Amino acid sequence: MDNYDIVDIYDENKQKTGKTKIRHKDILENGEYIIGVQAIIINSDYEILISKRSEKKRAYPLMWECNGGALLSGETFLEGILREIKEELGIDFNSDDAVFLKSVKREHEFKEIYLFNKDIDITYIKFCDNEAIDAKWVSINQFMDMFNNNEIVPNVDFGIEEYNKCLEIINKKTDK
């Protein structure tokens, strides 16, 4: 499963440098970043959709996560997150469904996290690219218990504070 992606390289100000590299193959130098995207999908019962990573994943096999991945060269943040959700879960969202939640800066990555508020029937999820093998809805308490029991990937960048911010955003949208 050595499937390499071409990614754009960004500087510390999240600006494209004009360089590209092969993800998981080329080494990122100091001051070089890639862009990761992550989807937090919450239903009308305020549950979080998580998926189980395939045993073939090079990092964190068989652990649960909120879906996402890296931007491919030339993609916008929204194009990347919509593609990742479609590839991993077979779910079609559009850019109007996405609400920016936060950005996280890591050693060589900026992660852009988006909220999606939608009811999705688990039986309609299709694991298209073999990156995910299962999915389920969990409460925030179940999510945090799973995180504390090392069942959720450690770089998920989502917890109680972000969950409360999601609920605030959802409730503002439904009040309109």
Protein backbone atom coordinates (compact mmCIF):
# COMPACT_ATOMS: atom_id res chain seq x y z
CA MET A 1 0.00 0.00 0.00
CA ASP A 2 2.76 2.42 -0.93
CA ASN A 3 0.59 4.94 -2.64
CA TYR A 4 2.37 8.31 -2.64
CA ASP A 5 0.64 11.67 -2.98
CA ILE A 6 2.14 14.85 -4.43
CA VAL A 7 1.59 17.68 -1.94
CA ASP A 8 2.23 21.41 -2.08
CA ILE A 9 4.74 22.81 0.38
CA TYR A 10 3.75 25.81 2.50
CA ASP A 11 5.82 28.20 4.64
CA GLU A 12 5.30 29.07 8.32
CA ASN A 13 2.67 31.66 7.28
CA LYS A 14 0.60 29.02 5.45
CA GLN A 15 1.62 30.42 2.05
CA LYS A 16 2.49 28.14 -0.87
CA THR A 17 6.22 28.10 -1.63
CA GLY A 18 5.86 26.82 -5.19
CA LYS A 19 7.52 23.53 -4.22
CA THR A 20 5.92 20.10 -4.15
CA LYS A 21 7.05 16.90 -2.49
CA ILE A 22 6.01 13.29 -2.38
CA ARG A 23 4.17 12.65 0.89
CA HIS A 24 5.65 9.91 3.09
CA LYS A 25 8.73 9.75 0.87
CA ASP A 26 10.40 13.17 0.65
CA ILE A 27 11.73 14.72 3.85
CA LEU A 28 10.27 18.07 4.90
CA GLU A 29 12.95 20.64 5.73
CA ASN A 30 12.76 23.14 8.60
CA GLY A 31 10.09 25.72 7.81
CA GLU A 32 8.30 23.45 5.32
CA TYR A 33 4.70 22.43 5.97
CA ILE A 34 1.96 20.43 4.33
CA ILE A 35 -1.75 21.00 4.86
CA GLY A 36 -3.89 18.38 6.56
CA VAL A 37 -7.67 18.51 6.77
CA GLN A 38 -10.02 16.90 9.26
CA ALA A 39 -13.81 16.58 9.34
CA ILE A 40 -15.86 16.63 12.50
CA ILE A 41 -19.25 15.24 11.49
CA ILE A 42 -21.99 15.68 14.10
CA ASN A 43 -25.61 14.52 13.76
CA SER A 44 -28.85 15.97 15.18
CA ASP A 45 -28.38 13.85 18.32
CA TYR A 46 -25.01 15.64 18.78
CA GLU A 47 -23.10 12.41 18.18
CA ILE A 48 -19.74 12.35 16.40
CA LEU A 49 -19.10 10.13 13.38
CA ILE A 50 -15.85 8.23 13.68
CA SER A 51 -14.32 5.60 11.43
CA LYS A 52 -11.92 2.75 12.06
CA ARG A 53 -8.68 2.83 10.11
CA SER A 54 -7.72 -0.16 7.98
CA GLU A 55 -5.11 -2.60 9.26
CA LYS A 56 -3.11 -1.63 6.14
CA LYS A 57 -2.65 2.01 7.20
CA ARG A 58 1.01 2.85 7.82
CA ALA A 59 0.15 4.92 10.90
CA TYR A 60 -2.32 3.98 13.63
CA PRO A 61 -3.85 0.88 12.00
CA LEU A 62 -7.20 -0.27 13.44
CA MET A 63 -7.63 2.88 15.53
CA TRP A 64 -10.67 5.16 15.33
CA GLU A 65 -10.54 8.70 13.95
CA CYS A 66 -12.40 11.68 12.62
CA ASN A 67 -11.87 11.51 8.86
CA GLY A 68 -9.35 13.56 6.98
CA GLY A 69 -5.99 13.52 5.29
CA ALA A 70 -3.54 15.67 3.38
CA LEU A 71 -4.27 18.17 0.63
CA LEU A 72 -3.09 17.06 -2.77
CA SER A 73 -1.14 19.49 -4.91
CA GLY A 74 -3.42 22.19 -6.31
CA GLU A 75 -6.36 21.54 -3.97
CA THR A 76 -8.03 24.14 -1.79
CA PHE A 77 -8.76 23.31 1.85
CA LEU A 78 -12.43 22.69 1.07
CA GLU A 79 -11.70 20.57 -2.00
CA GLY A 80 -9.37 18.46 0.11
CA ILE A 81 -11.76 17.79 2.97
CA LEU A 82 -14.66 17.05 0.62
CA ARG A 83 -12.47 14.60 -1.33
CA GLU A 84 -11.24 12.88 1.82
CA ILE A 85 -14.79 12.34 3.14
CA LYS A 86 -15.89 10.98 -0.24
CA GLU A 87 -12.85 8.68 -0.53
CA GLU A 88 -13.00 7.34 3.00
CA LEU A 89 -16.76 7.14 3.63
CA GLY A 90 -18.44 7.51 0.24
CA ILE A 91 -20.35 10.55 1.55
CA ASP A 92 -20.96 13.57 -0.68
CA PHE A 93 -20.88 16.93 1.03
CA ASN A 94 -20.61 20.29 -0.67
CA SER A 95 -18.68 23.36 0.42
CA ASP A 96 -21.83 24.94 1.91
CA ASP A 97 -21.96 22.03 4.40
CA ALA A 98 -18.51 22.88 5.80
CA VAL A 99 -17.96 25.30 8.67
CA PHE A 100 -14.36 26.16 9.58
CA LEU A 101 -13.65 25.14 13.18
CA LYS A 102 -9.95 25.75 13.79
CA SER A 103 -6.41 25.47 12.50
CA VAL A 104 -3.65 23.57 14.30
CA LYS A 105 0.07 24.08 13.62
CA ARG A 106 2.33 21.07 14.09
CA GLU A 107 6.03 20.53 13.38
CA HIS A 108 5.56 20.14 9.61
CA GLU A 109 1.80 20.43 9.16
CA PHE A 110 -1.07 22.85 9.40
CA LYS A 111 -4.34 21.03 10.02
CA GLU A 112 -7.56 22.72 8.97
CA ILE A 113 -10.54 21.33 10.87
CA TYR A 114 -14.09 21.63 9.55
CA LEU A 115 -17.46 20.90 11.10
CA PHE A 116 -20.23 19.13 9.16
CA ASN A 117 -23.68 18.86 10.74
CA LYS A 118 -25.67 16.09 9.10
CA ASP A 119 -27.59 12.92 9.88
CA ILE A 120 -26.03 10.03 7.99
CA ASP A 121 -27.35 6.48 8.02
CA ILE A 122 -24.34 4.27 8.79
CA THR A 123 -25.67 1.61 6.40
CA TYR A 124 -25.11 4.01 3.48
CA ILE A 125 -21.43 4.51 4.25
CA LYS A 126 -19.17 2.96 1.61
CA PHE A 127 -15.53 2.36 2.41
CA CYS A 128 -14.32 3.24 -1.07
CA ASP A 129 -10.54 3.34 -0.78
CA ASN A 130 -9.90 0.77 1.95
CA GLU A 131 -8.55 3.43 4.30
CA ALA A 132 -11.49 2.91 6.68
CA ILE A 133 -13.20 -0.38 7.52
CA ASP A 134 -15.96 0.59 9.96
CA ALA A 135 -17.88 3.63 11.18
CA LYS A 136 -20.11 4.51 14.10
CA TRP A 137 -21.76 7.40 15.91
CA VAL A 138 -20.53 8.08 19.44
CA SER A 139 -21.40 10.57 22.17
CA ILE A 140 -18.73 12.99 23.32
CA ASN A 141 -18.35 10.94 26.51
CA GLN A 142 -17.80 7.75 24.51
CA PHE A 143 -15.36 9.63 22.26
CA MET A 144 -13.34 10.92 25.22
CA ASP A 145 -13.34 7.47 26.89
CA MET A 146 -12.06 5.95 23.64
CA PHE A 147 -9.42 8.69 23.35
CA ASN A 148 -8.28 8.12 26.94
CA ASN A 149 -8.13 4.35 26.27
CA ASN A 150 -5.89 4.94 23.22
CA GLU A 151 -8.54 3.75 20.77
CA ILE A 152 -8.65 7.12 18.93
CA VAL A 153 -5.63 8.32 16.93
CA PRO A 154 -3.60 10.65 19.18
CA ASN A 155 -3.38 13.49 16.64
CA VAL A 156 -7.15 13.91 16.29
CA ASP A 157 -7.12 17.51 17.66
CA PHE A 158 -10.69 17.25 18.94
CA GLY A 159 -11.99 17.16 22.49
CA ILE A 160 -14.54 18.69 24.86
CA GLU A 161 -13.60 22.30 24.06
CA GLU A 162 -13.93 21.78 20.29
CA TYR A 163 -17.13 19.76 20.77
CA ASN A 164 -18.70 22.63 22.73
CA LYS A 165 -17.65 25.05 19.98
CA CYS A 166 -19.33 22.73 17.43
CA LEU A 167 -22.56 22.73 19.44
CA GLU A 168 -22.45 26.53 19.64
CA ILE A 169 -22.05 26.76 15.83
CA ILE A 170 -24.82 24.21 15.20
CA ASN A 171 -27.24 25.94 17.57
CA LYS A 172 -26.54 29.35 15.96
CA LYS A 173 -27.30 27.91 12.52
CA THR A 174 -30.56 26.35 13.66
CA ASP A 175 -31.69 29.56 15.43
CA LYS A 176 -31.70 31.45 12.10
